[in-house]
Amino acid sequence: MKQKIIQKATEMFLNLGFKSITMDDLAHELGISKKTIYSHFKNKTDLVQQSAMSMTDFITCGIDDIVAFEKNPIEELYEIKRFVMVHLKDEKSSPLYQLQKYYPKIHTSLKEVQFECTHRCVVKNVKRGMEMGIYRDNLNVEFVSRIYFTGITVIKDNNMFPTEMFSKPDLWDYYLEYHLRGIVTPKGRKILNSIINSNQE
């Protein structure tokens, strides 16, 4: 039952916001009493924390699984993008800001976990790309990894990138192409162009 509550809460939080959803809303949606929810969670903050961490763990494990396949590093980043897009398809930018505003400690710890996962994956990705000759050999790996994380964080900002101007899938595609064109060699550019062309067909 606890997992079922977390699953439904995560879905509702991502769709409607962390502040907007009440324990009554969640109980009604699940067809259970609030008492049942409180038997598993101390309070709403506890539920928000466990839901947010559960989603982050799921995404982190999925990304680690993709990295374990050791695909071509350029394809790997597109594969990670696809995975994240599928599982965060209902994510709106406003819940993230509600999380930041009303649950700052949870937001901070979540961002730390996301950074660790992204940093670990991108460092591996860049090193492999350099070894394979598809990324430039003079890259500062630490800089590339951190600027990549900064970019994927900023494109979620609805004030900077309003949804009426940029759809989520387009934003990810623009950003990934922007990121990769700055680090690929001519050999890598051919692979990148081939992926972009096949995505447009």
N, C-alpha and C. Protein backbone atom coordinates (compact mmCIF):
# COMPACT_ATOMS: atom_id res chain seq x y z
N MET A 1 0.83 -1.22 0.00
CA MET A 1 0.00 0.00 0.00
C MET A 1 0.86 1.26 0.00
N LYS A 2 1.96 1.22 0.77
CA LYS A 2 2.84 2.40 0.84
C LYS A 2 3.35 2.79 -0.54
N GLN A 3 3.78 1.77 -1.31
CA GLN A 3 4.31 2.03 -2.65
C GLN A 3 3.24 2.60 -3.57
N LYS A 4 2.02 2.09 -3.40
CA LYS A 4 0.89 2.56 -4.21
C LYS A 4 0.61 4.04 -3.91
N ILE A 5 0.69 4.40 -2.63
CA ILE A 5 0.47 5.81 -2.23
C ILE A 5 1.56 6.69 -2.83
N ILE A 6 2.82 6.24 -2.73
CA ILE A 6 3.95 7.01 -3.28
C ILE A 6 3.78 7.21 -4.78
N GLN A 7 3.38 6.12 -5.46
CA GLN A 7 3.21 6.17 -6.92
C GLN A 7 2.16 7.22 -7.32
N LYS A 8 1.00 7.15 -6.68
CA LYS A 8 -0.09 8.08 -7.00
C LYS A 8 0.28 9.52 -6.59
N ALA A 9 0.92 9.66 -5.42
CA ALA A 9 1.32 10.99 -4.94
C ALA A 9 2.31 11.62 -5.92
N THR A 10 3.28 10.84 -6.38
CA THR A 10 4.29 11.35 -7.32
C THR A 10 3.62 11.85 -8.60
N GLU A 11 2.72 11.03 -9.12
CA GLU A 11 1.99 11.39 -10.35
C GLU A 11 1.22 12.70 -10.16
N MET A 12 0.53 12.83 -9.04
CA MET A 12 -0.26 14.04 -8.77
C MET A 12 0.63 15.25 -8.50
N PHE A 13 1.72 15.05 -7.76
CA PHE A 13 2.64 16.16 -7.48
C PHE A 13 3.24 16.71 -8.78
N LEU A 14 3.67 15.81 -9.67
CA LEU A 14 4.30 16.25 -10.92
C LEU A 14 3.30 16.97 -11.82
N ASN A 15 2.04 16.52 -11.75
CA ASN A 15 1.01 17.12 -12.59
C ASN A 15 0.47 18.43 -12.05
N LEU A 16 0.21 18.46 -10.75
CA LEU A 16 -0.54 19.58 -10.18
C LEU A 16 0.23 20.42 -9.17
N GLY A 17 1.38 19.93 -8.74
CA GLY A 17 2.19 20.72 -7.82
C GLY A 17 2.22 20.16 -6.41
N PHE A 18 3.34 20.39 -5.74
CA PHE A 18 3.54 19.87 -4.38
C PHE A 18 2.69 20.61 -3.36
N LYS A 19 2.46 21.89 -3.57
CA LYS A 19 1.67 22.69 -2.63
C LYS A 19 0.18 22.44 -2.87
N SER A 20 -0.19 22.33 -4.15
CA SER A 20 -1.60 22.25 -4.52
C SER A 20 -2.30 20.99 -4.00
N ILE A 21 -1.58 19.87 -4.00
CA ILE A 21 -2.20 18.59 -3.62
C ILE A 21 -2.28 18.46 -2.10
N THR A 22 -3.48 18.14 -1.62
CA THR A 22 -3.66 17.93 -0.17
C THR A 22 -3.77 16.42 0.11
N MET A 23 -3.66 16.07 1.37
CA MET A 23 -3.82 14.66 1.77
C MET A 23 -5.24 14.19 1.44
N ASP A 24 -6.22 15.11 1.54
CA ASP A 24 -7.61 14.78 1.18
C ASP A 24 -7.72 14.41 -0.29
N ASP A 25 -7.06 15.22 -1.15
CA ASP A 25 -7.07 14.94 -2.59
C ASP A 25 -6.52 13.55 -2.88
N LEU A 26 -5.41 13.25 -2.24
CA LEU A 26 -4.73 11.97 -2.47
C LEU A 26 -5.59 10.81 -1.97
N ALA A 27 -6.16 10.96 -0.78
CA ALA A 27 -7.02 9.91 -0.21
C ALA A 27 -8.22 9.66 -1.13
N HIS A 28 -8.83 10.75 -1.61
CA HIS A 28 -9.98 10.64 -2.51
C HIS A 28 -9.60 9.92 -3.81
N GLU A 29 -8.47 10.30 -4.37
CA GLU A 29 -7.99 9.72 -5.63
C GLU A 29 -7.71 8.21 -5.48
N LEU A 30 -7.20 7.83 -4.33
CA LEU A 30 -6.86 6.41 -4.09
C LEU A 30 -8.05 5.61 -3.53
N GLY A 31 -9.09 6.32 -3.12
CA GLY A 31 -10.25 5.64 -2.53
C GLY A 31 -9.94 5.04 -1.17
N ILE A 32 -9.08 5.73 -0.41
CA ILE A 32 -8.73 5.26 0.94
C ILE A 32 -8.92 6.42 1.93
N SER A 33 -8.79 6.13 3.21
CA SER A 33 -8.93 7.20 4.21
C SER A 33 -7.58 7.89 4.43
N LYS A 34 -7.68 9.12 4.94
CA LYS A 34 -6.44 9.84 5.28
C LYS A 34 -5.67 9.09 6.37
N LYS A 35 -6.42 8.42 7.23
CA LYS A 35 -5.81 7.66 8.33
C LYS A 35 -4.84 6.61 7.77
N THR A 36 -5.25 5.98 6.66
CA THR A 36 -4.39 4.97 6.02
C THR A 36 -3.09 5.61 5.54
N ILE A 37 -3.21 6.79 4.95
CA ILE A 37 -2.01 7.50 4.47
C ILE A 37 -1.10 7.82 5.65
N TYR A 38 -1.70 8.33 6.73
CA TYR A 38 -0.89 8.72 7.90
C TYR A 38 -0.30 7.52 8.66
N SER A 39 -0.81 6.33 8.36
CA SER A 39 -0.21 5.14 8.99
C SER A 39 1.13 4.80 8.32
N HIS A 40 1.34 5.36 7.12
CA HIS A 40 2.60 5.12 6.39
C HIS A 40 3.54 6.33 6.38
N PHE A 41 2.96 7.53 6.55
CA PHE A 41 3.77 8.76 6.47
C PHE A 41 3.45 9.67 7.65
N LYS A 42 4.49 10.24 8.25
CA LYS A 42 4.31 11.09 9.43
C LYS A 42 3.43 12.30 9.13
N ASN A 43 3.69 12.92 7.97
CA ASN A 43 2.97 14.13 7.57
C ASN A 43 3.17 14.33 6.07
N LYS A 44 2.65 15.43 5.55
CA LYS A 44 2.76 15.67 4.12
C LYS A 44 4.22 15.85 3.69
N THR A 45 5.01 16.51 4.52
CA THR A 45 6.43 16.71 4.19
C THR A 45 7.14 15.38 4.00
N ASP A 46 6.84 14.43 4.88
CA ASP A 46 7.41 13.08 4.78
C ASP A 46 7.01 12.42 3.46
N LEU A 47 5.74 12.58 3.09
CA LEU A 47 5.23 12.01 1.83
C LEU A 47 5.91 12.67 0.63
N VAL A 48 6.03 14.00 0.67
CA VAL A 48 6.70 14.73 -0.42
C VAL A 48 8.14 14.23 -0.57
N GLN A 49 8.83 14.11 0.56
CA GLN A 49 10.23 13.67 0.52
C GLN A 49 10.36 12.27 -0.08
N GLN A 50 9.54 11.35 0.41
CA GLN A 50 9.65 9.96 -0.07
C GLN A 50 9.22 9.83 -1.53
N SER A 51 8.22 10.61 -1.95
CA SER A 51 7.78 10.57 -3.35
C SER A 51 8.86 11.13 -4.27
N ALA A 52 9.42 12.27 -3.87
CA ALA A 52 10.46 12.91 -4.69
C ALA A 52 11.70 12.01 -4.79
N MET A 53 12.09 11.40 -3.67
CA MET A 53 13.27 10.52 -3.67
C MET A 53 13.02 9.25 -4.47
N SER A 54 11.80 8.73 -4.38
CA SER A 54 11.44 7.52 -5.12
C SER A 54 11.56 7.75 -6.62
N MET A 55 11.05 8.90 -7.08
CA MET A 55 11.13 9.23 -8.51
C MET A 55 12.58 9.43 -8.93
N THR A 56 13.35 10.11 -8.10
CA THR A 56 14.76 10.36 -8.41
C THR A 56 15.55 9.06 -8.46
N ASP A 57 15.29 8.15 -7.51
CA ASP A 57 15.96 6.84 -7.51
C ASP A 57 15.64 6.06 -8.77
N PHE A 58 14.37 6.11 -9.17
CA PHE A 58 13.94 5.39 -10.37
C PHE A 58 14.67 5.91 -11.61
N ILE A 59 14.72 7.24 -11.75
CA ILE A 59 15.40 7.87 -12.89
C ILE A 59 16.89 7.56 -12.85
N THR A 60 17.50 7.65 -11.66
CA THR A 60 18.93 7.38 -11.50
C THR A 60 19.28 5.95 -11.91
N CYS A 61 18.48 4.99 -11.46
CA CYS A 61 18.72 3.58 -11.81
C CYS A 61 18.57 3.37 -13.32
N GLY A 62 17.56 4.01 -13.90
CA GLY A 62 17.35 3.89 -15.35
C GLY A 62 18.53 4.44 -16.14
N ILE A 63 19.05 5.58 -15.70
CA ILE A 63 20.21 6.19 -16.38
C ILE A 63 21.44 5.30 -16.21
N ASP A 64 21.65 4.77 -15.01
CA ASP A 64 22.79 3.86 -14.77
C ASP A 64 22.70 2.62 -15.65
N ASP A 65 21.48 2.10 -15.85
CA ASP A 65 21.28 0.93 -16.72
C ASP A 65 21.67 1.25 -18.17
N ILE A 66 21.29 2.45 -18.63
CA ILE A 66 21.64 2.86 -20.00
C ILE A 66 23.15 2.97 -20.15
N VAL A 67 23.80 3.59 -19.16
CA VAL A 67 25.26 3.77 -19.19
C VAL A 67 25.97 2.42 -19.19
N ALA A 68 25.40 1.44 -18.48
CA ALA A 68 26.02 0.10 -18.39
C ALA A 68 26.11 -0.59 -19.75
N PHE A 69 25.24 -0.21 -20.69
CA PHE A 69 25.28 -0.81 -22.04
C PHE A 69 26.49 -0.35 -22.85
N GLU A 70 27.12 0.74 -22.41
CA GLU A 70 28.30 1.30 -23.09
C GLU A 70 28.07 1.49 -24.59
N LYS A 71 26.97 2.16 -24.91
CA LYS A 71 26.69 2.50 -26.30
C LYS A 71 27.65 3.59 -26.74
N ASN A 72 27.58 3.93 -28.01
CA ASN A 72 28.32 5.09 -28.51
C ASN A 72 27.91 6.29 -27.62
N PRO A 73 28.88 7.05 -27.08
CA PRO A 73 28.55 8.12 -26.12
C PRO A 73 27.53 9.15 -26.61
N ILE A 74 27.53 9.44 -27.91
CA ILE A 74 26.56 10.41 -28.44
C ILE A 74 25.16 9.80 -28.39
N GLU A 75 25.05 8.55 -28.86
CA GLU A 75 23.76 7.84 -28.80
C GLU A 75 23.29 7.71 -27.35
N GLU A 76 24.24 7.46 -26.46
CA GLU A 76 23.92 7.27 -25.04
C GLU A 76 23.18 8.49 -24.48
N LEU A 77 23.66 9.70 -24.80
CA LEU A 77 23.01 10.91 -24.29
C LEU A 77 21.59 11.05 -24.84
N TYR A 78 21.39 10.66 -26.11
CA TYR A 78 20.04 10.70 -26.69
C TYR A 78 19.14 9.65 -26.05
N GLU A 79 19.71 8.50 -25.73
CA GLU A 79 18.96 7.42 -25.07
C GLU A 79 18.52 7.87 -23.67
N ILE A 80 19.43 8.52 -22.95
CA ILE A 80 19.10 9.04 -21.61
C ILE A 80 17.99 10.09 -21.72
N LYS A 81 18.11 10.96 -22.71
CA LYS A 81 17.09 12.00 -22.93
C LYS A 81 15.72 11.35 -23.15
N ARG A 82 15.68 10.31 -24.01
CA ARG A 82 14.41 9.63 -24.30
C ARG A 82 13.81 9.02 -23.03
N PHE A 83 14.66 8.37 -22.25
CA PHE A 83 14.20 7.73 -21.00
C PHE A 83 13.61 8.77 -20.04
N VAL A 84 14.33 9.86 -19.85
CA VAL A 84 13.87 10.92 -18.94
C VAL A 84 12.57 11.53 -19.45
N MET A 85 12.49 11.77 -20.76
CA MET A 85 11.28 12.37 -21.35
C MET A 85 10.05 11.48 -21.14
N VAL A 86 10.24 10.17 -21.30
CA VAL A 86 9.12 9.23 -21.14
C VAL A 86 8.62 9.24 -19.69
N HIS A 87 9.55 9.21 -18.75
CA HIS A 87 9.15 9.07 -17.35
C HIS A 87 8.84 10.39 -16.65
N LEU A 88 9.24 11.49 -17.25
CA LEU A 88 8.87 12.80 -16.67
C LEU A 88 7.98 13.56 -17.64
N LYS A 89 7.24 12.81 -18.46
CA LYS A 89 6.42 13.45 -19.49
C LYS A 89 5.34 14.36 -18.90
N ASP A 90 4.90 14.04 -17.69
CA ASP A 90 3.85 14.85 -17.07
C ASP A 90 4.42 15.94 -16.16
N GLU A 91 5.76 15.99 -16.10
CA GLU A 91 6.38 16.98 -15.20
C GLU A 91 6.14 18.39 -15.74
N LYS A 92 5.58 19.23 -14.92
CA LYS A 92 5.43 20.64 -15.28
C LYS A 92 6.51 21.41 -14.52
N SER A 93 6.83 22.61 -15.00
CA SER A 93 7.89 23.35 -14.31
C SER A 93 7.40 23.90 -12.97
N SER A 94 6.10 24.24 -12.87
CA SER A 94 5.60 24.85 -11.63
C SER A 94 5.79 23.97 -10.38
N PRO A 95 5.56 22.63 -10.45
CA PRO A 95 5.81 21.83 -9.25
C PRO A 95 7.24 21.94 -8.74
N LEU A 96 8.20 22.07 -9.64
CA LEU A 96 9.59 22.19 -9.22
C LEU A 96 9.80 23.47 -8.41
N TYR A 97 9.13 24.54 -8.82
CA TYR A 97 9.27 25.80 -8.10
C TYR A 97 8.50 25.77 -6.78
N GLN A 98 7.39 25.03 -6.77
CA GLN A 98 6.66 24.85 -5.51
C GLN A 98 7.53 24.07 -4.53
N LEU A 99 8.21 23.05 -5.05
CA LEU A 99 9.10 22.25 -4.21
C LEU A 99 10.21 23.14 -3.63
N GLN A 100 10.78 23.96 -4.49
CA GLN A 100 11.86 24.86 -4.08
C GLN A 100 11.38 25.87 -3.04
N LYS A 101 10.16 26.38 -3.24
CA LYS A 101 9.63 27.43 -2.36
C LYS A 101 9.12 26.89 -1.02
N TYR A 102 8.36 25.78 -1.08
CA TYR A 102 7.71 25.29 0.14
C TYR A 102 8.45 24.16 0.86
N TYR A 103 9.33 23.48 0.10
CA TYR A 103 10.12 22.38 0.70
C TYR A 103 11.59 22.53 0.30
N PRO A 104 12.22 23.65 0.69
CA PRO A 104 13.59 23.94 0.22
C PRO A 104 14.62 22.87 0.58
N LYS A 105 14.49 22.27 1.77
CA LYS A 105 15.47 21.24 2.16
C LYS A 105 15.37 20.02 1.25
N ILE A 106 14.12 19.62 0.95
CA ILE A 106 13.92 18.47 0.06
C ILE A 106 14.45 18.80 -1.33
N HIS A 107 14.16 20.01 -1.80
CA HIS A 107 14.63 20.45 -3.12
C HIS A 107 16.15 20.40 -3.20
N THR A 108 16.82 20.88 -2.16
CA THR A 108 18.29 20.90 -2.14
C THR A 108 18.86 19.49 -2.15
N SER A 109 18.31 18.60 -1.31
CA SER A 109 18.86 17.23 -1.27
C SER A 109 18.58 16.50 -2.58
N LEU A 110 17.45 16.80 -3.21
CA LEU A 110 17.09 16.20 -4.50
C LEU A 110 18.08 16.64 -5.57
N LYS A 111 18.39 17.93 -5.56
CA LYS A 111 19.31 18.49 -6.55
C LYS A 111 20.71 17.88 -6.38
N GLU A 112 21.10 17.63 -5.14
CA GLU A 112 22.42 17.02 -4.87
C GLU A 112 22.48 15.61 -5.45
N VAL A 113 21.40 14.84 -5.26
CA VAL A 113 21.34 13.47 -5.79
C VAL A 113 21.37 13.51 -7.32
N GLN A 114 20.59 14.43 -7.90
CA GLN A 114 20.55 14.56 -9.37
C GLN A 114 21.92 14.95 -9.91
N PHE A 115 22.59 15.85 -9.20
CA PHE A 115 23.92 16.28 -9.65
C PHE A 115 24.90 15.12 -9.61
N GLU A 116 24.90 14.36 -8.52
CA GLU A 116 25.82 13.22 -8.39
C GLU A 116 25.62 12.22 -9.53
N CYS A 117 24.36 11.91 -9.82
CA CYS A 117 24.05 10.95 -10.89
C CYS A 117 24.49 11.49 -12.24
N THR A 118 24.10 12.73 -12.55
CA THR A 118 24.43 13.34 -13.84
C THR A 118 25.94 13.48 -13.99
N HIS A 119 26.59 13.96 -12.95
CA HIS A 119 28.04 14.17 -12.98
C HIS A 119 28.76 12.85 -13.26
N ARG A 120 28.38 11.80 -12.53
CA ARG A 120 29.00 10.48 -12.70
C ARG A 120 28.85 9.99 -14.15
N CYS A 121 27.64 10.11 -14.68
CA CYS A 121 27.36 9.61 -16.04
C CYS A 121 28.07 10.43 -17.11
N VAL A 122 28.04 11.75 -16.96
CA VAL A 122 28.63 12.62 -17.99
C VAL A 122 30.15 12.52 -17.99
N VAL A 123 30.76 12.39 -16.81
CA VAL A 123 32.22 12.21 -16.75
C VAL A 123 32.62 10.95 -17.52
N LYS A 124 31.90 9.84 -17.27
CA LYS A 124 32.17 8.59 -17.99
C LYS A 124 31.96 8.78 -19.49
N ASN A 125 30.85 9.44 -19.82
CA ASN A 125 30.48 9.67 -21.22
C ASN A 125 31.56 10.46 -21.95
N VAL A 126 32.02 11.54 -21.34
CA VAL A 126 33.01 12.40 -21.99
C VAL A 126 34.35 11.67 -22.14
N LYS A 127 34.76 10.96 -21.10
CA LYS A 127 36.04 10.23 -21.17
C LYS A 127 36.01 9.18 -22.28
N ARG A 128 34.89 8.45 -22.38
CA ARG A 128 34.78 7.42 -23.43
C ARG A 128 34.76 8.06 -24.81
N GLY A 129 34.04 9.19 -24.92
CA GLY A 129 33.98 9.89 -26.21
C GLY A 129 35.34 10.38 -26.66
N MET A 130 36.14 10.84 -25.70
CA MET A 130 37.50 11.31 -26.01
C MET A 130 38.38 10.12 -26.44
N GLU A 131 38.27 9.00 -25.73
CA GLU A 131 39.05 7.81 -26.07
C GLU A 131 38.70 7.29 -27.46
N MET A 132 37.42 7.41 -27.83
CA MET A 132 36.96 6.90 -29.13
C MET A 132 37.21 7.88 -30.27
N GLY A 133 37.67 9.09 -29.90
CA GLY A 133 37.96 10.08 -30.94
C GLY A 133 36.74 10.79 -31.49
N ILE A 134 35.60 10.69 -30.77
CA ILE A 134 34.40 11.39 -31.25
C ILE A 134 34.15 12.69 -30.47
N TYR A 135 34.86 12.85 -29.34
CA TYR A 135 34.87 14.12 -28.61
C TYR A 135 36.30 14.66 -28.67
N ARG A 136 36.43 15.97 -28.66
CA ARG A 136 37.75 16.60 -28.71
C ARG A 136 38.64 16.13 -27.56
N ASP A 137 39.92 15.98 -27.81
CA ASP A 137 40.82 15.43 -26.79
C ASP A 137 41.34 16.48 -25.80
N ASN A 138 40.97 17.74 -26.01
CA ASN A 138 41.46 18.80 -25.10
C ASN A 138 40.37 19.32 -24.16
N LEU A 139 39.31 18.52 -23.97
CA LEU A 139 38.20 18.97 -23.13
C LEU A 139 38.55 18.91 -21.65
N ASN A 140 38.02 19.86 -20.90
CA ASN A 140 38.11 19.80 -19.44
C ASN A 140 36.86 19.03 -18.99
N VAL A 141 37.06 17.76 -18.63
CA VAL A 141 35.94 16.86 -18.34
C VAL A 141 35.05 17.39 -17.22
N GLU A 142 35.67 17.92 -16.18
CA GLU A 142 34.92 18.43 -15.03
C GLU A 142 34.03 19.62 -15.45
N PHE A 143 34.58 20.50 -16.28
CA PHE A 143 33.82 21.66 -16.75
C PHE A 143 32.63 21.21 -17.60
N VAL A 144 32.89 20.30 -18.54
CA VAL A 144 31.83 19.84 -19.45
C VAL A 144 30.69 19.19 -18.65
N SER A 145 31.06 18.38 -17.67
CA SER A 145 30.04 17.70 -16.85
C SER A 145 29.19 18.71 -16.08
N ARG A 146 29.83 19.72 -15.49
CA ARG A 146 29.10 20.69 -14.68
C ARG A 146 28.25 21.63 -15.54
N ILE A 147 28.76 21.99 -16.71
CA ILE A 147 27.99 22.90 -17.57
C ILE A 147 26.78 22.15 -18.16
N TYR A 148 26.96 20.85 -18.38
CA TYR A 148 25.84 20.02 -18.87
C TYR A 148 24.72 20.00 -17.83
N PHE A 149 25.08 19.76 -16.57
CA PHE A 149 24.08 19.72 -15.50
C PHE A 149 23.39 21.07 -15.35
N THR A 150 24.18 22.14 -15.42
CA THR A 150 23.61 23.50 -15.31
C THR A 150 22.59 23.72 -16.42
N GLY A 151 22.94 23.29 -17.63
CA GLY A 151 22.04 23.45 -18.78
C GLY A 151 20.72 22.71 -18.62
N ILE A 152 20.80 21.44 -18.21
CA ILE A 152 19.54 20.68 -18.09
C ILE A 152 18.68 21.20 -16.93
N THR A 153 19.32 21.86 -15.98
CA THR A 153 18.57 22.47 -14.87
C THR A 153 17.87 23.74 -15.36
N VAL A 154 18.58 24.55 -16.12
CA VAL A 154 18.04 25.85 -16.57
C VAL A 154 16.92 25.68 -17.59
N ILE A 155 17.01 24.67 -18.47
CA ILE A 155 15.95 24.54 -19.49
C ILE A 155 14.60 24.14 -18.87
N LYS A 156 14.61 23.76 -17.59
CA LYS A 156 13.34 23.47 -16.91
C LYS A 156 12.68 24.74 -16.37
N ASP A 157 13.40 25.86 -16.44
CA ASP A 157 12.89 27.12 -15.91
C ASP A 157 11.90 27.74 -16.89
N ASN A 158 10.65 27.74 -16.49
CA ASN A 158 9.58 28.22 -17.37
C ASN A 158 9.66 29.71 -17.65
N ASN A 159 10.30 30.48 -16.77
CA ASN A 159 10.46 31.92 -17.02
C ASN A 159 11.47 32.16 -18.13
N MET A 160 12.53 31.34 -18.12
CA MET A 160 13.57 31.48 -19.15
C MET A 160 13.12 30.86 -20.47
N PHE A 161 12.44 29.74 -20.38
CA PHE A 161 12.02 29.00 -21.58
C PHE A 161 10.52 28.70 -21.50
N PRO A 162 9.67 29.72 -21.78
CA PRO A 162 8.22 29.54 -21.67
C PRO A 162 7.73 28.43 -22.61
N THR A 163 6.79 27.62 -22.12
CA THR A 163 6.29 26.48 -22.91
C THR A 163 5.59 26.92 -24.19
N GLU A 164 5.07 28.16 -24.19
CA GLU A 164 4.42 28.61 -25.44
C GLU A 164 5.45 28.90 -26.54
N MET A 165 6.71 29.05 -26.15
CA MET A 165 7.78 29.25 -27.14
C MET A 165 8.55 27.97 -27.44
N PHE A 166 8.70 27.12 -26.42
CA PHE A 166 9.49 25.89 -26.56
C PHE A 166 8.76 24.70 -25.96
N SER A 167 8.54 23.68 -26.75
CA SER A 167 7.98 22.45 -26.17
C SER A 167 9.11 21.72 -25.46
N LYS A 168 8.77 20.86 -24.48
CA LYS A 168 9.79 20.11 -23.73
C LYS A 168 10.68 19.28 -24.66
N PRO A 169 10.08 18.46 -25.57
CA PRO A 169 10.94 17.64 -26.44
C PRO A 169 11.89 18.49 -27.29
N ASP A 170 11.38 19.61 -27.83
CA ASP A 170 12.23 20.49 -28.64
C ASP A 170 13.38 21.07 -27.82
N LEU A 171 13.06 21.51 -26.60
CA LEU A 171 14.09 22.09 -25.73
C LEU A 171 15.23 21.11 -25.48
N TRP A 172 14.86 19.86 -25.15
CA TRP A 172 15.88 18.83 -24.91
C TRP A 172 16.73 18.61 -26.16
N ASP A 173 16.06 18.56 -27.33
CA ASP A 173 16.79 18.35 -28.59
C ASP A 173 17.73 19.51 -28.88
N TYR A 174 17.22 20.74 -28.73
CA TYR A 174 18.06 21.92 -28.97
C TYR A 174 19.27 21.90 -28.04
N TYR A 175 19.00 21.61 -26.75
CA TYR A 175 20.09 21.66 -25.78
C TYR A 175 21.14 20.58 -26.03
N LEU A 176 20.68 19.37 -26.34
CA LEU A 176 21.61 18.27 -26.57
C LEU A 176 22.48 18.54 -27.80
N GLU A 177 21.85 19.06 -28.85
CA GLU A 177 22.62 19.39 -30.05
C GLU A 177 23.63 20.51 -29.74
N TYR A 178 23.18 21.51 -29.01
CA TYR A 178 24.05 22.63 -28.62
C TYR A 178 25.25 22.13 -27.81
N HIS A 179 24.97 21.25 -26.84
CA HIS A 179 26.01 20.68 -25.98
C HIS A 179 27.01 19.86 -26.82
N LEU A 180 26.48 18.98 -27.64
CA LEU A 180 27.35 18.05 -28.38
C LEU A 180 28.16 18.74 -29.47
N ARG A 181 27.56 19.72 -30.15
CA ARG A 181 28.31 20.40 -31.22
C ARG A 181 29.54 21.12 -30.66
N GLY A 182 29.50 21.46 -29.39
CA GLY A 182 30.65 22.13 -28.78
C GLY A 182 31.78 21.19 -28.40
N ILE A 183 31.52 19.88 -28.36
CA ILE A 183 32.56 18.95 -27.89
C ILE A 183 32.95 17.87 -28.89
N VAL A 184 32.20 17.73 -30.00
CA VAL A 184 32.51 16.63 -30.93
C VAL A 184 33.68 16.97 -31.87
N THR A 185 34.30 15.91 -32.37
CA THR A 185 35.31 16.02 -33.43
C THR A 185 34.56 15.88 -34.76
N PRO A 186 35.24 16.06 -35.91
CA PRO A 186 34.56 15.82 -37.20
C PRO A 186 33.94 14.41 -37.27
N LYS A 187 34.63 13.42 -36.71
CA LYS A 187 34.11 12.04 -36.68
C LYS A 187 32.81 11.99 -35.85
N GLY A 188 32.81 12.66 -34.71
CA GLY A 188 31.63 12.71 -33.85
C GLY A 188 30.49 13.48 -34.50
N ARG A 189 30.85 14.52 -35.26
CA ARG A 189 29.82 15.34 -35.92
C ARG A 189 29.01 14.51 -36.92
N LYS A 190 29.68 13.58 -37.60
CA LYS A 190 28.97 12.71 -38.56
C LYS A 190 27.92 11.87 -37.83
N ILE A 191 28.31 11.32 -36.68
CA ILE A 191 27.38 10.50 -35.88
C ILE A 191 26.21 11.37 -35.40
N LEU A 192 26.54 12.56 -34.90
CA LEU A 192 25.52 13.48 -34.40
C LEU A 192 24.54 13.87 -35.50
N ASN A 193 25.06 14.24 -36.67
CA ASN A 193 24.19 14.63 -37.80
C ASN A 193 23.28 13.48 -38.21
N SER A 194 23.83 12.28 -38.19
CA SER A 194 23.06 11.09 -38.56
C SER A 194 21.90 10.88 -37.57
N ILE A 195 22.16 11.06 -36.27
CA ILE A 195 21.11 10.91 -35.25
C ILE A 195 20.04 11.99 -35.42
N ILE A 196 20.49 13.24 -35.63
CA ILE A 196 19.55 14.36 -35.79
C ILE A 196 18.66 14.13 -37.01
N ASN A 197 19.28 13.71 -38.12
CA ASN A 197 18.51 13.46 -39.35
C ASN A 197 17.50 12.33 -39.17
N SER A 198 17.91 11.26 -38.48
CA SER A 198 16.98 10.13 -38.29
C SER A 198 15.85 10.51 -37.34
N ASN A 199 16.11 11.42 -36.40
CA ASN A 199 15.06 11.89 -35.48
C ASN A 199 14.04 12.77 -36.19
N GLN A 200 14.47 13.40 -37.29
CA GLN A 200 13.57 14.32 -38.01
C GLN A 200 12.70 13.60 -39.03
N GLU A 201 13.07 12.36 -39.33
CA GLU A 201 12.30 11.61 -40.35
C GLU A 201 10.96 11.16 -39.81
